């Protein structure tokens, strides 16, 4: 099921936690407080740990965005699991360079805009919930895709993909909207993946296994 956050994402965080996590944080904190009020200290202690993990999962740190000309930044924290040329894809016409970033539950899950441009297409695809590290997740899993046109006329795609545990994709971005490199635009809750489909002349700055941080790590350079 697709879930969209009805609040725009701020360029600078107002709180240390991502807005989609407020409901989860409030819920576990209320349950924890209830256990202590009822005298169930053991359960209260257990849920204190759960509350701490939920708060930590939804952390939303500010990042220093590279200002180099042509620099395309990572849309997610995680590890590069695919970095290769593909002949076709479902989002951008023609051969592209695909870069896939796998996020485990310990990564920051707030997603950021890779490169400044205007949203030319936005589409949600229902699907399954295979492990997001698998290749088939790109085509079979639930996902939300944006195709963005840069000021220089380059097209690239960025796709949020739900994983084995993830059940909520957050993305309130519409066709025609202008996006700025490094700004927040959404998140995926509890483990997932981001796929990038870049022009084939992009000069990559990452390889398989590279660990990246959303907004601050450079994936490559658009020519």
Foldseek 3Di string as FASTA:
>chain_A
DEDADPDFFDQADPDQFDPVLPVVLVVLVVVLVVCVVVVVVVVNVVSVVVSVLSRQLRGDHRDDFDPDAQFFAFFFFAFWLAWAWDQDDDPDPGIFTKTKGWDASNTHFFTWGRAWFFWADKDWDDAPAAAQSDPCQRPGFTKIKTWGAHPVGFIKMKMWGHHNPWDYWYFDDDGGDTHHQLGTGTGIPHITMMMMTGHHVWAAPDDGGDTHHHRHHTGTGDD
